[in-house]
Amino acid sequence: MALLDELADALAADVMAAMKEFDDDRLYMEMSKVIGTSSPSLQEAFNTSCRLRLSEQRARKFLDETIRARREGGKAPAAPRDAEGH
């Protein structure tokens, strides 16, 4: 449903901005609980959008640090191990 995804993503974007502004890395969890009291469907779409945004932020940070390290001749950060230990 397009409206569901649009609403969830817009809310997630606003929550991510508030998390950054107020240095509150758990705000999205509180918002998820609020949403879940009235719409489990919106809650799941919101959670998905938040996970995607948070993952992209971590990946972007890793990429930036890797590029900086390689350009400066330093050691690039190690990627996290996956569930299988690779």
N, C-alpha and C. Protein backbone atom coordinates (compact mmCIF):
# COMPACT_ATOMS: atom_id res chain seq x y z
N MET A 1 0.85 -1.18 0.00
CA MET A 1 0.00 0.00 0.00
C MET A 1 0.89 1.24 0.00
N ALA A 2 0.75 2.05 -1.00
CA ALA A 2 1.61 3.21 -1.16
C ALA A 2 1.46 4.22 -0.02
N LEU A 3 0.24 4.49 0.40
CA LEU A 3 0.03 5.47 1.46
C LEU A 3 0.71 5.03 2.74
N LEU A 4 0.60 3.77 3.08
CA LEU A 4 1.23 3.24 4.28
C LEU A 4 2.74 3.48 4.25
N ASP A 5 3.37 3.12 3.16
CA ASP A 5 4.81 3.30 3.03
C ASP A 5 5.21 4.76 3.03
N GLU A 6 4.43 5.59 2.38
CA GLU A 6 4.73 7.03 2.35
C GLU A 6 4.65 7.63 3.75
N LEU A 7 3.58 7.31 4.48
CA LEU A 7 3.42 7.83 5.84
C LEU A 7 4.54 7.34 6.75
N ALA A 8 4.83 6.05 6.67
CA ALA A 8 5.86 5.46 7.52
C ALA A 8 7.22 6.07 7.22
N ASP A 9 7.55 6.23 5.96
CA ASP A 9 8.85 6.77 5.59
C ASP A 9 8.99 8.24 5.97
N ALA A 10 7.94 9.01 5.79
CA ALA A 10 7.99 10.43 6.17
C ALA A 10 8.17 10.57 7.68
N LEU A 11 7.45 9.75 8.44
CA LEU A 11 7.59 9.79 9.89
C LEU A 11 8.98 9.34 10.31
N ALA A 12 9.48 8.29 9.67
CA ALA A 12 10.82 7.81 9.98
C ALA A 12 11.87 8.89 9.71
N ALA A 13 11.74 9.60 8.62
CA ALA A 13 12.68 10.67 8.29
C ALA A 13 12.66 11.75 9.37
N ASP A 14 11.47 12.12 9.82
CA ASP A 14 11.35 13.14 10.87
C ASP A 14 11.94 12.64 12.20
N VAL A 15 11.69 11.38 12.52
CA VAL A 15 12.22 10.81 13.76
C VAL A 15 13.74 10.73 13.70
N MET A 16 14.29 10.34 12.56
CA MET A 16 15.75 10.28 12.43
C MET A 16 16.37 11.67 12.61
N ALA A 17 15.72 12.68 12.07
CA ALA A 17 16.22 14.05 12.24
C ALA A 17 16.17 14.46 13.71
N ALA A 18 15.08 14.12 14.40
CA ALA A 18 14.96 14.45 15.82
C ALA A 18 15.99 13.67 16.64
N MET A 19 16.24 12.43 16.28
CA MET A 19 17.25 11.64 16.98
C MET A 19 18.61 12.30 16.89
N LYS A 20 18.93 12.79 15.71
CA LYS A 20 20.22 13.46 15.52
C LYS A 20 20.27 14.78 16.28
N GLU A 21 19.20 15.56 16.17
CA GLU A 21 19.16 16.87 16.84
C GLU A 21 19.31 16.75 18.35
N PHE A 22 18.63 15.76 18.93
CA PHE A 22 18.60 15.63 20.39
C PHE A 22 19.54 14.53 20.91
N ASP A 23 20.34 13.95 20.02
CA ASP A 23 21.27 12.89 20.38
C ASP A 23 20.57 11.79 21.19
N ASP A 24 19.47 11.31 20.62
CA ASP A 24 18.64 10.30 21.28
C ASP A 24 18.50 9.11 20.32
N ASP A 25 19.36 8.13 20.46
CA ASP A 25 19.39 7.03 19.50
C ASP A 25 18.30 5.98 19.73
N ARG A 26 17.42 6.21 20.69
CA ARG A 26 16.33 5.26 20.97
C ARG A 26 14.94 5.83 20.71
N LEU A 27 14.87 7.04 20.23
CA LEU A 27 13.58 7.67 20.00
C LEU A 27 12.71 6.86 19.05
N TYR A 28 13.32 6.25 18.04
CA TYR A 28 12.51 5.48 17.09
C TYR A 28 11.82 4.30 17.75
N MET A 29 12.42 3.74 18.79
CA MET A 29 11.79 2.63 19.51
C MET A 29 10.55 3.10 20.27
N GLU A 30 10.65 4.27 20.87
CA GLU A 30 9.50 4.84 21.58
C GLU A 30 8.38 5.16 20.60
N MET A 31 8.76 5.74 19.46
CA MET A 31 7.75 6.06 18.45
C MET A 31 7.08 4.80 17.93
N SER A 32 7.84 3.75 17.78
CA SER A 32 7.29 2.48 17.31
C SER A 32 6.21 1.98 18.26
N LYS A 33 6.46 2.10 19.55
CA LYS A 33 5.46 1.68 20.53
C LYS A 33 4.19 2.52 20.42
N VAL A 34 4.36 3.81 20.24
CA VAL A 34 3.20 4.70 20.10
C VAL A 34 2.39 4.32 18.86
N ILE A 35 3.07 4.09 17.76
CA ILE A 35 2.39 3.72 16.51
C ILE A 35 1.68 2.38 16.67
N GLY A 36 2.35 1.43 17.31
CA GLY A 36 1.82 0.08 17.45
C GLY A 36 0.53 -0.01 18.24
N THR A 37 0.26 0.99 19.07
CA THR A 37 -0.98 0.95 19.85
C THR A 37 -2.21 1.14 18.98
N SER A 38 -2.03 1.70 17.80
CA SER A 38 -3.20 1.92 16.95
C SER A 38 -3.08 1.31 15.55
N SER A 39 -1.85 1.02 15.10
CA SER A 39 -1.72 0.45 13.76
C SER A 39 -0.47 -0.43 13.64
N PRO A 40 -0.62 -1.73 13.85
CA PRO A 40 0.52 -2.62 13.67
C PRO A 40 1.09 -2.58 12.25
N SER A 41 0.26 -2.34 11.26
CA SER A 41 0.75 -2.26 9.88
C SER A 41 1.66 -1.05 9.70
N LEU A 42 1.25 0.09 10.20
CA LEU A 42 2.09 1.28 10.12
C LEU A 42 3.35 1.10 10.96
N GLN A 43 3.22 0.46 12.09
CA GLN A 43 4.37 0.20 12.95
C GLN A 43 5.44 -0.60 12.20
N GLU A 44 5.04 -1.66 11.54
CA GLU A 44 6.01 -2.49 10.82
C GLU A 44 6.67 -1.72 9.67
N ALA A 45 5.88 -0.95 8.94
CA ALA A 45 6.44 -0.16 7.85
C ALA A 45 7.40 0.91 8.40
N PHE A 46 7.03 1.52 9.51
CA PHE A 46 7.89 2.52 10.17
C PHE A 46 9.19 1.87 10.62
N ASN A 47 9.09 0.71 11.28
CA ASN A 47 10.29 0.01 11.75
C ASN A 47 11.21 -0.34 10.58
N THR A 48 10.62 -0.80 9.50
CA THR A 48 11.42 -1.13 8.32
C THR A 48 12.14 0.10 7.79
N SER A 49 11.44 1.20 7.69
CA SER A 49 12.05 2.43 7.19
C SER A 49 13.17 2.89 8.12
N CYS A 50 12.96 2.80 9.41
CA CYS A 50 14.00 3.19 10.37
C CYS A 50 15.22 2.28 10.25
N ARG A 51 14.99 0.98 10.16
CA ARG A 51 16.11 0.05 10.02
C ARG A 51 16.91 0.34 8.75
N LEU A 52 16.20 0.61 7.66
CA LEU A 52 16.87 0.93 6.41
C LEU A 52 17.71 2.20 6.55
N ARG A 53 17.13 3.22 7.16
CA ARG A 53 17.84 4.49 7.32
C ARG A 53 19.05 4.34 8.24
N LEU A 54 18.88 3.61 9.35
CA LEU A 54 19.99 3.41 10.27
C LEU A 54 21.11 2.59 9.63
N SER A 55 20.72 1.59 8.88
CA SER A 55 21.70 0.76 8.18
C SER A 55 22.46 1.59 7.15
N GLU A 56 21.76 2.42 6.43
CA GLU A 56 22.41 3.28 5.43
C GLU A 56 23.38 4.24 6.10
N GLN A 57 23.01 4.77 7.26
CA GLN A 57 23.89 5.68 7.98
C GLN A 57 25.17 4.98 8.43
N ARG A 58 25.04 3.75 8.94
CA ARG A 58 26.22 2.99 9.36
C ARG A 58 27.10 2.67 8.15
N ALA A 59 26.46 2.27 7.06
CA ALA A 59 27.22 1.95 5.85
C ALA A 59 27.94 3.18 5.30
N ARG A 60 27.26 4.30 5.30
CA ARG A 60 27.86 5.55 4.80
C ARG A 60 29.05 5.94 5.66
N LYS A 61 28.92 5.81 6.98
CA LYS A 61 30.03 6.12 7.89
C LYS A 61 31.22 5.20 7.61
N PHE A 62 30.95 3.91 7.43
CA PHE A 62 32.01 2.95 7.13
C PHE A 62 32.70 3.32 5.82
N LEU A 63 31.92 3.65 4.80
CA LEU A 63 32.49 4.04 3.51
C LEU A 63 33.35 5.29 3.65
N ASP A 64 32.85 6.30 4.33
CA ASP A 64 33.61 7.54 4.52
C ASP A 64 34.93 7.28 5.25
N GLU A 65 34.88 6.46 6.31
CA GLU A 65 36.10 6.15 7.06
C GLU A 65 37.08 5.34 6.23
N THR A 66 36.57 4.44 5.42
CA THR A 66 37.43 3.63 4.55
C THR A 66 38.11 4.49 3.51
N ILE A 67 37.36 5.35 2.88
CA ILE A 67 37.93 6.25 1.85
C ILE A 67 38.98 7.16 2.48
N ARG A 68 38.66 7.74 3.63
CA ARG A 68 39.60 8.64 4.30
C ARG A 68 40.89 7.90 4.65
N ALA A 69 40.76 6.71 5.21
CA ALA A 69 41.94 5.94 5.61
C ALA A 69 42.80 5.58 4.40
N ARG A 70 42.18 5.14 3.35
CA ARG A 70 42.96 4.75 2.16
C ARG A 70 43.63 5.94 1.49
N ARG A 71 42.96 7.06 1.49
CA ARG A 71 43.57 8.26 0.90
C ARG A 71 44.74 8.75 1.73
N GLU A 72 44.66 8.55 3.04
CA GLU A 72 45.71 9.02 3.93
C GLU A 72 46.76 7.94 4.21
N GLY A 73 46.61 6.77 3.59
CA GLY A 73 47.58 5.71 3.77
C GLY A 73 47.43 4.94 5.07
N GLY A 74 46.32 5.14 5.73
CA GLY A 74 46.09 4.44 6.99
C GLY A 74 45.35 3.13 6.79
N LYS A 75 45.04 2.51 7.89
CA LYS A 75 44.33 1.24 7.86
C LYS A 75 42.83 1.50 7.86
N ALA A 76 42.16 0.88 6.92
CA ALA A 76 40.71 1.02 6.82
C ALA A 76 40.05 0.26 7.97
N PRO A 77 38.88 0.69 8.40
CA PRO A 77 38.19 -0.03 9.46
C PRO A 77 37.78 -1.42 8.99
N ALA A 78 37.70 -2.33 9.93
CA ALA A 78 37.27 -3.69 9.60
C ALA A 78 35.75 -3.74 9.54
N ALA A 79 35.25 -4.47 8.57
CA ALA A 79 33.80 -4.66 8.48
C ALA A 79 33.36 -5.59 9.60
N PRO A 80 32.15 -5.40 10.11
CA PRO A 80 31.68 -6.28 11.17
C PRO A 80 31.53 -7.72 10.66
N ARG A 81 31.69 -8.65 11.55
CA ARG A 81 31.50 -10.05 11.19
C ARG A 81 30.02 -10.34 11.03
N ASP A 82 29.70 -11.23 10.12
CA ASP A 82 28.31 -11.62 9.97
C ASP A 82 27.96 -12.71 10.98
N ALA A 83 26.75 -13.18 10.96
CA ALA A 83 26.29 -14.16 11.94
C ALA A 83 27.07 -15.46 11.88
N GLU A 84 27.66 -15.76 10.75
CA GLU A 84 28.42 -17.00 10.60
C GLU A 84 29.90 -16.81 10.93
N GLY A 85 30.27 -15.61 11.36
CA GLY A 85 31.65 -15.34 11.76
C GLY A 85 32.59 -15.00 10.63
N HIS A 86 32.07 -14.63 9.46
CA HIS A 86 32.92 -14.29 8.31
C HIS A 86 33.21 -12.81 8.27
